[in-house]
Amino acid sequence: MAIGLVCNTILKASSSHHPTSNDLIPLNLFDKAAFDIHVPILYAFRAPMPSNEVLKEGLSKALVHYPQLAGRFITDDHGRTCIILNNAGVRVIETYVPTSLAEQLPFTPASEVDKLLPPLDGVQELLQIQLNRYACGGVVIGLTSHHRVADGQSMSYFTISWASLVRGLDIETLPYHDRAAVSVPRNPPKVEFDHSSIEFQKSTASNTNNFSSSIANLVVHLSADFITKLKTKVCQGHQRFSTFECLLSHMWKKITQARGLAPDEYTQVRVAVNGRARMKPPVPMEFFGNLVLWAYPRLVVKELLNESHAHIAKAIHEAVAKVDNEYFHSFIDFGELSKEKDGELVATAPDIGDSLCPNMEVDSWLRFHFHDLDFGGGGPCAFLPPDLPVEGLLIFVPSCKEKGAVDVFLALLHEHVELFKQICYSLD
C-alpha cells in the first residue's frame, strides 16, 4: 500500500479554555488491572469527509473535555503511577493514499493496515490519531489509546464527542471524570474474594507460552439471519439469554472443537464485565476511565462439546451474574487494604504473544455506539481492531455491513484455523 506522510505534529487542547492544570490523577485499581498496552483501532469513512483542519479543530475542542488523553504518565512522590493533566498533547499524523478507499476495502487482518496506524512502541502520548486521506476523499482514522487511561466504553464516548464537535454540535452528555469517587472503599473494608489471584498475580512470570509467530488473526461475519437462528436454538422454552451469551456459547464450542482438546481437560473464558450498571449506586455510563472486571465461566471439554448451546449459555450467564455489586466493592476494598503492596500488584491480563489455549479471553463491543460516529458524512463503512496480539482473544463488534449482524475478530494458532473455518457456521 503506497502512503505518503503529509504532517506529524502534536495537537493540544484548545488553549482558549485553559485546560492545563498539572493536576495528578493517580491510577486506581481498575486501571492497574487493565492491559498495559496501546490499543489500536481503525475507522473507515467514505467521502464526503471534513478537511483535516476541521477534524483537528474538533479534536482540539474535544480534548478540553477529556484532558487525560492530552496528559502523560508520571510517577508521583509516593511511587504511584499518575496521569498529569499538563496538556502535553496528542500526536496527529496526516498521510495521503493515492488510491480510492474502495480499492482497499474490505480491510482484513492480512491487509497492510499497520501503515494506517500510529506507532505502538516507545510512545509517550496517551492518544494518537492518524488521518489517512484517500484520493477519493475518503478517510481512514487510525487511533491508538493507552488502555490504562480508559476502557473501550470510555473511548467510544470520546470519539462520538469528537465527531459531534466536528459537526458543530454540543457534546450531548459531558464525561464524568472522578476516578476516586467510583472506587471509595467501604468502612470497614471487606474483601470477600481472592482478588490477589483473580485480577492480579504475585509475579510477572507468565503462565502461558509465547507463540507470537504462530498466531493467526481472522474475522468471522455472523449475519443477522444466522444470529436469529442461533438465538432460537439457544433460547429454548422459557430460557432467555443475551445476544452476547448466545454468540459466546457458539464460539466457545467451535473454538474448543477446532483446538482438539482432550475430553477431560478444563477450558474457561475470561469475560469482560462492565461495572457501570452493576455497581450501586450506578456509575454514569459516561464515566471516563476503566471500570471493568472479569467473569470466568469454566467447563470440562466433553461437557462443552456434548451439551446444548443453552447449557453453555447458562454457564456463561451464571458466571457473569456473580460479578455483581458486592464483587465490585470487594475488589475496591482489596485495593484499599493492598495500598502498601501497590508495586507488587501485577495484572493477570495476558502478555502480547501469549497463547491462552485451552482458555479464551472475550470482549464485547456490541453496546458501543460505533454507528453514531458521524463526522458529517455518515457512520463508518468499515471498522477493524487490527492485529490481536494474544491467541484465544475474541472481540464481538457490531457489523458495518448489515444491521443486526456481528463481526467476530479472533486470534488462533495457525494449526487450528482451517478446521475452525470449516465448522464455525455450523449450528449442529
Protein backbone atom coordinates (compact mmCIF):
# COMPACT_ATOMS: atom_id res chain seq x y z
CA MET A 1 0.00 0.00 0.00
CA ALA A 2 1.56 3.30 -1.13
CA ILE A 3 1.20 6.00 1.51
CA GLY A 4 2.80 9.44 1.81
CA LEU A 5 3.46 11.39 5.01
CA VAL A 6 1.96 14.88 4.99
CA CYS A 7 2.44 16.01 8.58
CA ASN A 8 3.41 14.67 12.02
CA THR A 9 2.74 17.01 14.90
CA ILE A 10 1.48 17.41 18.45
CA LEU A 11 -2.04 18.81 18.94
CA LYS A 12 -3.10 20.29 22.26
CA ALA A 13 -6.47 21.05 23.80
CA SER A 14 -7.95 24.38 22.79
CA SER A 15 -5.90 26.97 24.68
CA SER A 16 -8.83 29.38 24.97
CA HIS A 17 -10.31 27.08 27.61
CA HIS A 18 -7.12 26.90 29.69
CA PRO A 19 -7.16 23.11 30.15
CA THR A 20 -3.64 22.90 31.66
CA SER A 21 -3.83 22.31 35.41
CA ASN A 22 -0.89 19.97 36.09
CA ASP A 23 -3.19 18.08 38.46
CA LEU A 24 -2.16 14.48 39.14
CA ILE A 25 -4.74 11.73 38.64
CA PRO A 26 -3.49 8.51 40.32
CA LEU A 27 -4.43 5.31 38.51
CA ASN A 28 -6.97 3.39 40.56
CA LEU A 29 -7.16 -0.38 40.96
CA PHE A 30 -9.38 -0.81 37.87
CA ASP A 31 -6.75 0.98 35.77
CA LYS A 32 -3.98 -1.24 37.13
CA ALA A 33 -5.94 -4.40 36.30
CA ALA A 34 -6.31 -3.37 32.63
CA PHE A 35 -3.99 -4.24 29.74
CA ASP A 36 -0.78 -2.19 29.92
CA ILE A 37 -0.77 -1.52 26.17
CA HIS A 38 -1.76 0.98 23.49
CA VAL A 39 -4.94 -0.28 21.81
CA PRO A 40 -5.16 0.31 18.03
CA ILE A 41 -8.44 0.79 16.13
CA LEU A 42 -9.26 1.71 12.52
CA TYR A 43 -12.41 3.50 11.31
CA ALA A 44 -13.03 3.96 7.57
CA PHE A 45 -15.34 6.70 6.24
CA ARG A 46 -16.42 7.22 2.65
CA ALA A 47 -16.43 10.69 1.11
CA PRO A 48 -17.52 13.33 1.80
CA MET A 49 -15.46 13.94 4.93
CA PRO A 50 -14.47 17.24 6.54
CA SER A 51 -10.98 18.57 5.90
CA ASN A 52 -8.13 17.57 8.16
CA GLU A 53 -8.12 21.08 9.63
CA VAL A 54 -11.77 20.77 10.63
CA LEU A 55 -11.15 17.31 12.13
CA LYS A 56 -8.18 18.64 14.10
CA GLU A 57 -10.11 21.68 15.31
CA GLY A 58 -12.86 19.39 16.63
CA LEU A 59 -10.27 17.13 18.24
CA SER A 60 -8.66 20.11 20.00
CA LYS A 61 -12.07 21.10 21.39
CA ALA A 62 -12.80 17.52 22.49
CA LEU A 63 -9.54 17.34 24.46
CA VAL A 64 -10.79 20.17 26.66
CA HIS A 65 -13.41 17.73 27.98
CA TYR A 66 -11.04 14.73 28.00
CA PRO A 67 -7.82 16.25 29.41
CA GLN A 68 -6.40 12.86 30.45
CA LEU A 69 -5.84 11.97 26.79
CA ALA A 70 -3.62 15.04 26.34
CA GLY A 71 -1.66 14.26 29.52
CA ARG A 72 1.25 11.94 30.30
CA PHE A 73 2.06 9.17 32.74
CA ILE A 74 4.37 10.17 35.59
CA THR A 75 5.34 8.70 38.98
CA ASP A 76 4.48 10.85 41.99
CA ASP A 77 6.39 11.24 45.26
CA HIS A 78 4.61 8.18 46.69
CA GLY A 79 5.70 5.93 43.81
CA ARG A 80 2.22 5.87 42.27
CA THR A 81 1.62 5.96 38.53
CA CYS A 82 -0.46 9.05 37.74
CA ILE A 83 -1.77 10.96 34.75
CA ILE A 84 -0.57 14.55 34.83
CA LEU A 85 -3.03 16.95 33.21
CA ASN A 86 -0.34 19.07 31.60
CA ASN A 87 -1.87 19.35 28.10
CA ALA A 88 1.30 17.92 26.58
CA GLY A 89 -0.94 16.99 23.67
CA VAL A 90 -1.79 14.10 21.38
CA ARG A 91 0.14 13.06 18.30
CA VAL A 92 -1.61 13.67 14.98
CA ILE A 93 -0.17 12.11 11.82
CA GLU A 94 -1.56 13.07 8.41
CA THR A 95 -0.99 10.92 5.32
CA TYR A 96 -2.16 10.75 1.73
CA VAL A 97 -3.05 7.48 -0.01
CA PRO A 98 -3.09 7.85 -3.83
CA THR A 99 -5.85 5.30 -4.41
CA SER A 100 -9.57 5.14 -3.71
CA LEU A 101 -10.82 3.77 -0.43
CA ALA A 102 -12.99 1.28 -2.34
CA GLU A 103 -9.83 -0.34 -3.74
CA GLN A 104 -8.60 -1.03 -0.21
CA LEU A 105 -11.84 -2.39 1.28
CA PRO A 106 -12.66 -4.71 2.84
CA PHE A 107 -9.88 -4.48 5.38
CA THR A 108 -8.78 -7.81 6.79
CA PRO A 109 -6.17 -8.74 9.40
CA ALA A 110 -3.92 -9.69 6.46
CA SER A 111 -4.12 -6.18 4.95
CA GLU A 112 -1.21 -3.79 5.38
CA VAL A 113 -3.24 -1.84 7.92
CA ASP A 114 -0.23 -1.18 10.17
CA LYS A 115 0.71 1.64 7.77
CA LEU A 116 -2.59 3.34 8.59
CA LEU A 117 -1.86 3.38 12.32
CA PRO A 118 0.45 5.45 14.52
CA PRO A 119 3.39 3.55 16.08
CA LEU A 120 2.73 1.42 19.16
CA ASP A 121 6.22 1.09 20.64
CA GLY A 122 8.09 3.69 22.67
CA VAL A 123 5.07 6.02 22.74
CA GLN A 124 4.71 8.74 25.40
CA GLU A 125 1.47 10.18 24.06
CA LEU A 126 -1.65 8.62 25.61
CA LEU A 127 -3.68 9.21 22.43
CA GLN A 128 -2.52 9.18 18.82
CA ILE A 129 -4.60 9.90 15.72
CA GLN A 130 -3.58 9.15 12.12
CA LEU A 131 -5.69 10.77 9.41
CA ASN A 132 -5.25 8.78 6.19
CA ARG A 133 -6.92 10.68 3.36
CA TYR A 134 -7.54 8.81 0.09
CA ALA A 135 -7.63 10.22 -3.43
CA CYS A 136 -11.43 9.76 -3.48
CA GLY A 137 -11.86 11.95 -0.40
CA GLY A 138 -12.50 9.03 1.95
CA VAL A 139 -10.66 8.94 5.26
CA VAL A 140 -9.39 6.13 7.45
CA ILE A 141 -8.81 7.20 11.04
CA GLY A 142 -6.18 5.14 12.83
CA LEU A 143 -6.42 5.63 16.59
CA THR A 144 -4.31 4.30 19.46
CA SER A 145 -5.05 4.95 23.12
CA HIS A 146 -3.48 3.59 26.29
CA HIS A 147 -5.82 1.10 27.94
CA ARG A 148 -4.87 2.19 31.48
CA VAL A 149 -6.24 5.65 30.73
CA ALA A 150 -9.65 4.42 29.59
CA ASP A 151 -11.60 1.32 28.61
CA GLY A 152 -13.50 0.73 25.38
CA GLN A 153 -16.76 2.19 26.71
CA SER A 154 -14.97 5.43 27.55
CA MET A 155 -13.18 5.70 24.22
CA SER A 156 -16.48 5.09 22.42
CA TYR A 157 -17.96 8.17 24.12
CA PHE A 158 -14.81 10.18 23.39
CA THR A 159 -14.88 9.51 19.65
CA ILE A 160 -18.59 10.33 19.47
CA SER A 161 -17.93 13.60 21.35
CA TRP A 162 -15.14 14.43 18.89
CA ALA A 163 -17.44 13.75 15.92
CA SER A 164 -20.23 15.89 17.41
CA LEU A 165 -17.90 18.86 17.84
CA VAL A 166 -16.66 18.47 14.25
CA ARG A 167 -20.30 18.75 13.12
CA GLY A 168 -20.73 21.93 15.16
CA LEU A 169 -22.89 20.29 17.81
CA ASP A 170 -22.52 20.35 21.58
CA ILE A 171 -21.48 17.22 23.43
CA GLU A 172 -24.78 15.59 24.43
CA THR A 173 -23.57 14.39 27.84
CA LEU A 174 -20.28 15.57 29.30
CA PRO A 175 -17.89 12.89 30.61
CA TYR A 176 -17.71 12.03 34.30
CA HIS A 177 -14.09 12.04 35.45
CA ASP A 178 -13.98 11.29 39.19
CA ARG A 179 -11.94 8.07 39.40
CA ALA A 180 -11.68 8.36 43.18
CA ALA A 181 -15.45 8.59 43.59
CA VAL A 182 -16.07 5.28 41.78
CA SER A 183 -13.58 3.42 43.95
CA VAL A 184 -14.43 4.51 47.51
CA PRO A 185 -13.88 1.60 49.95
CA ARG A 186 -16.46 0.56 52.48
CA ASN A 187 -15.94 1.29 56.18
CA PRO A 188 -14.59 -1.06 57.29
CA PRO A 189 -13.21 -2.64 54.09
CA LYS A 190 -14.40 -6.20 53.48
CA VAL A 191 -12.60 -8.45 50.98
CA GLU A 192 -14.79 -11.43 50.09
CA PHE A 193 -12.94 -12.86 47.06
CA ASP A 194 -9.35 -13.82 46.22
CA HIS A 195 -8.54 -10.78 44.08
CA SER A 196 -4.80 -11.27 44.55
CA SER A 197 -5.03 -14.30 42.25
CA ILE A 198 -8.14 -13.49 40.15
CA GLU A 199 -7.37 -9.98 38.88
CA PHE A 200 -3.73 -9.93 39.97
CA GLN A 201 -0.84 -12.33 40.38
CA LYS A 202 2.22 -12.46 42.60
CA SER A 203 4.90 -12.05 39.93
CA THR A 204 5.35 -11.01 36.31
CA ALA A 205 6.05 -14.58 35.22
CA SER A 206 3.57 -15.59 32.54
CA ASN A 207 1.72 -18.86 32.97
CA THR A 208 1.39 -19.31 29.23
CA ASN A 209 3.83 -19.91 26.43
CA ASN A 210 4.82 -17.30 23.88
CA PHE A 211 3.63 -18.29 20.42
CA SER A 212 3.59 -14.86 18.74
CA SER A 213 4.95 -16.18 15.42
CA SER A 214 2.21 -18.85 15.27
CA ILE A 215 -0.81 -16.60 15.89
CA ALA A 216 -3.24 -16.01 13.02
CA ASN A 217 -5.85 -13.23 13.02
CA LEU A 218 -9.18 -13.76 11.29
CA VAL A 219 -12.67 -12.28 11.05
CA VAL A 220 -15.95 -14.20 11.12
CA HIS A 221 -19.04 -12.42 9.84
CA LEU A 222 -22.22 -13.62 11.53
CA SER A 223 -25.22 -12.43 9.55
CA ALA A 224 -28.43 -11.20 11.17
CA ASP A 225 -30.18 -14.32 9.87
CA PHE A 226 -27.54 -16.61 11.39
CA ILE A 227 -27.83 -14.82 14.75
CA THR A 228 -31.62 -15.16 14.69
CA LYS A 229 -31.32 -18.92 14.09
CA LEU A 230 -28.67 -19.21 16.81
CA LYS A 231 -30.80 -17.35 19.36
CA THR A 232 -33.78 -19.59 18.51
CA LYS A 233 -31.59 -22.63 19.15
CA VAL A 234 -30.16 -21.29 22.42
CA CYS A 235 -33.26 -19.68 23.92
CA GLN A 236 -35.44 -22.77 24.21
CA GLY A 237 -38.60 -22.86 26.30
CA HIS A 238 -38.61 -20.13 28.95
CA GLN A 239 -34.84 -19.63 28.86
CA ARG A 240 -33.73 -16.26 27.56
CA PHE A 241 -30.13 -15.22 27.01
CA SER A 242 -28.49 -12.08 25.66
CA THR A 243 -27.10 -11.90 22.14
CA PHE A 244 -23.61 -11.91 23.65
CA GLU A 245 -24.28 -15.08 25.67
CA CYS A 246 -25.67 -16.82 22.59
CA LEU A 247 -22.72 -15.80 20.42
CA LEU A 248 -20.15 -16.78 23.03
CA SER A 249 -21.76 -20.19 23.63
CA HIS A 250 -21.38 -20.89 19.90
CA MET A 251 -17.83 -19.56 19.51
CA TRP A 252 -16.58 -21.28 22.67
CA LYS A 253 -17.89 -24.62 21.42
CA LYS A 254 -16.43 -24.22 17.90
CA ILE A 255 -13.01 -22.98 19.02
CA THR A 256 -12.72 -25.79 21.53
CA GLN A 257 -13.61 -28.30 18.81
CA ALA A 258 -11.04 -26.78 16.42
CA ARG A 259 -8.33 -26.95 19.08
CA GLY A 260 -8.80 -30.70 19.51
CA LEU A 261 -8.61 -30.56 23.29
CA ALA A 262 -8.69 -33.70 25.44
CA PRO A 263 -12.22 -34.57 26.68
CA ASP A 264 -11.29 -34.37 30.37
CA GLU A 265 -9.45 -31.06 30.08
CA TYR A 266 -10.96 -27.90 31.54
CA THR A 267 -11.47 -24.74 29.46
CA GLN A 268 -12.52 -21.33 30.73
CA VAL A 269 -13.30 -17.94 29.25
CA ARG A 270 -12.25 -14.62 30.74
CA VAL A 271 -15.29 -12.42 30.05
CA ALA A 272 -15.14 -8.63 30.49
CA VAL A 273 -17.95 -7.27 32.72
CA ASN A 274 -18.76 -3.54 32.71
CA GLY A 275 -19.30 -2.27 36.24
CA ARG A 276 -21.13 0.96 35.38
CA ALA A 277 -24.62 -0.54 35.62
CA ARG A 278 -23.73 -3.24 38.16
CA MET A 279 -22.44 -1.01 40.94
CA LYS A 280 -24.83 0.60 43.42
CA PRO A 281 -25.42 3.43 43.09
CA PRO A 282 -24.87 3.03 39.32
CA VAL A 283 -21.90 4.84 37.82
CA PRO A 284 -22.74 7.14 34.87
CA MET A 285 -22.19 5.40 31.54
CA GLU A 286 -20.15 8.47 30.56
CA PHE A 287 -17.57 7.75 33.27
CA PHE A 288 -14.16 8.15 31.64
CA GLY A 289 -11.65 5.60 32.88
CA ASN A 290 -11.59 1.86 33.47
CA LEU A 291 -14.48 0.12 35.22
CA VAL A 292 -14.26 -3.48 34.04
CA LEU A 293 -13.74 -6.77 35.90
CA TRP A 294 -13.98 -10.33 34.62
CA ALA A 295 -16.13 -13.42 34.94
CA TYR A 296 -14.68 -16.91 34.43
CA PRO A 297 -17.20 -19.47 33.13
CA ARG A 298 -15.46 -22.89 33.20
CA LEU A 299 -16.46 -26.26 31.73
CA VAL A 300 -14.94 -29.65 31.01
CA VAL A 301 -14.28 -30.08 27.28
CA LYS A 302 -16.56 -33.11 26.87
CA GLU A 303 -19.37 -31.18 28.60
CA LEU A 304 -18.82 -28.18 26.35
CA LEU A 305 -18.85 -30.27 23.16
CA ASN A 306 -21.71 -32.63 24.06
CA GLU A 307 -24.14 -30.34 25.86
CA SER A 308 -26.52 -27.91 24.16
CA HIS A 309 -25.84 -24.27 23.36
CA ALA A 310 -28.40 -23.42 26.05
CA HIS A 311 -26.36 -25.34 28.66
CA ILE A 312 -23.23 -23.38 27.74
CA ALA A 313 -25.08 -20.04 27.66
CA LYS A 314 -26.43 -20.76 31.14
CA ALA A 315 -22.91 -21.39 32.46
CA ILE A 316 -21.80 -18.06 30.95
CA HIS A 317 -24.84 -16.23 32.33
CA GLU A 318 -24.35 -17.59 35.86
CA ALA A 319 -20.65 -16.73 35.93
CA VAL A 320 -21.27 -13.17 34.72
CA ALA A 321 -24.10 -12.71 37.26
CA LYS A 322 -21.64 -13.42 40.10
CA VAL A 323 -19.63 -10.31 39.18
CA ASP A 324 -22.19 -8.10 40.88
CA ASN A 325 -22.21 -5.03 43.12
CA GLU A 326 -20.77 -6.98 46.04
CA TYR A 327 -17.93 -8.31 43.88
CA PHE A 328 -17.00 -4.85 42.59
CA HIS A 329 -16.99 -3.41 46.11
CA SER A 330 -14.92 -6.33 47.38
CA PHE A 331 -12.40 -5.50 44.64
CA ILE A 332 -12.33 -1.83 45.71
CA ASP A 333 -11.83 -2.85 49.34
CA PHE A 334 -8.99 -5.14 48.29
CA GLY A 335 -7.32 -2.12 46.71
CA GLU A 336 -7.68 -0.14 49.94
CA LEU A 337 -6.05 -2.91 52.00
CA SER A 338 -3.33 -3.51 49.41
CA LYS A 339 -2.06 0.06 49.07
CA GLU A 340 1.23 -0.77 50.68
CA LYS A 341 1.68 -3.58 48.12
CA ASP A 342 0.99 -1.31 45.15
CA GLY A 343 4.23 -2.09 43.34
CA GLU A 344 3.67 -5.83 43.74
CA LEU A 345 0.28 -5.95 42.03
CA VAL A 346 0.68 -7.47 38.57
CA ALA A 347 -2.44 -7.75 36.41
CA THR A 348 -3.43 -11.22 35.20
CA ALA A 349 -4.16 -9.77 31.73
CA PRO A 350 -2.19 -11.86 29.20
CA ASP A 351 1.04 -10.59 27.67
CA ILE A 352 1.47 -9.84 23.99
CA GLY A 353 2.28 -13.05 22.12
CA ASP A 354 0.75 -15.37 24.73
CA SER A 355 -1.30 -18.43 23.82
CA LEU A 356 -4.31 -18.89 26.11
CA CYS A 357 -5.18 -22.38 24.84
CA PRO A 358 -7.19 -24.18 26.26
CA ASN A 359 -8.72 -20.93 27.53
CA MET A 360 -10.06 -17.76 25.89
CA GLU A 361 -10.41 -14.03 26.57
CA VAL A 362 -13.53 -12.30 25.24
CA ASP A 363 -14.59 -8.65 24.95
CA SER A 364 -17.97 -7.47 23.71
CA TRP A 365 -18.16 -4.12 21.91
CA LEU A 366 -21.77 -4.75 20.88
CA ARG A 367 -23.10 -1.90 23.03
CA PHE A 368 -20.55 0.66 21.90
CA HIS A 369 -22.17 3.25 19.66
CA PHE A 370 -19.97 2.86 16.58
CA HIS A 371 -22.81 3.63 14.18
CA ASP A 372 -23.27 7.02 15.90
CA LEU A 373 -19.72 8.01 14.97
CA ASP A 374 -20.59 10.57 12.29
CA PHE A 375 -18.19 13.37 11.33
CA GLY A 376 -20.66 14.75 8.79
CA GLY A 377 -20.75 12.14 6.04
CA GLY A 378 -22.40 9.24 7.86
CA GLY A 379 -21.16 6.42 10.06
CA PRO A 380 -18.09 4.27 9.38
CA CYS A 381 -18.21 1.93 6.40
CA ALA A 382 -15.59 -0.35 7.97
CA PHE A 383 -14.17 -0.93 11.40
CA LEU A 384 -11.18 -3.02 12.42
CA PRO A 385 -9.36 -3.69 15.68
CA PRO A 386 -6.16 -4.86 13.92
CA ASP A 387 -3.61 -7.44 14.97
CA LEU A 388 -4.99 -9.12 18.08
CA PRO A 389 -1.74 -9.98 19.88
CA VAL A 390 -2.95 -12.90 22.05
CA GLU A 391 -4.05 -16.37 20.88
CA GLY A 392 -7.55 -17.09 22.14
CA LEU A 393 -8.62 -13.42 22.22
CA LEU A 394 -12.04 -12.62 20.71
CA ILE A 395 -13.85 -9.31 20.19
CA PHE A 396 -17.53 -9.08 19.20
CA VAL A 397 -18.24 -5.94 17.14
CA PRO A 398 -21.49 -4.70 15.52
CA SER A 399 -21.03 -5.15 11.78
CA CYS A 400 -20.85 -2.18 9.40
CA LYS A 401 -22.06 -4.43 6.57
CA GLU A 402 -25.53 -5.32 7.82
CA LYS A 403 -27.83 -4.13 10.59
CA GLY A 404 -28.12 -6.75 13.30
CA ALA A 405 -25.03 -8.66 12.11
CA VAL A 406 -21.87 -9.15 14.17
CA ASP A 407 -18.23 -9.41 13.18
CA VAL A 408 -16.05 -11.59 15.39
CA PHE A 409 -12.35 -10.71 15.41
CA LEU A 410 -10.23 -13.50 16.84
CA ALA A 411 -6.72 -14.87 17.08
CA LEU A 412 -5.92 -18.60 16.92
CA LEU A 413 -2.85 -20.74 16.41
CA HIS A 414 -2.30 -21.36 12.69
CA GLU A 415 -2.84 -25.11 13.05
CA HIS A 416 -6.39 -24.58 14.38
CA VAL A 417 -7.58 -22.07 11.77
CA GLU A 418 -8.55 -24.39 8.89
CA LEU A 419 -10.81 -26.66 10.95
CA PHE A 420 -12.35 -23.65 12.69
CA LYS A 421 -13.25 -22.11 9.30
CA GLN A 422 -14.91 -25.37 8.26
CA ILE A 423 -17.16 -25.61 11.33
CA CYS A 424 -17.72 -22.05 12.59
CA TYR A 425 -21.06 -21.59 10.78
CA SER A 426 -22.48 -25.00 11.68
CA LEU A 427 -25.28 -24.97 14.26
CA ASP A 428 -25.18 -28.75 14.70
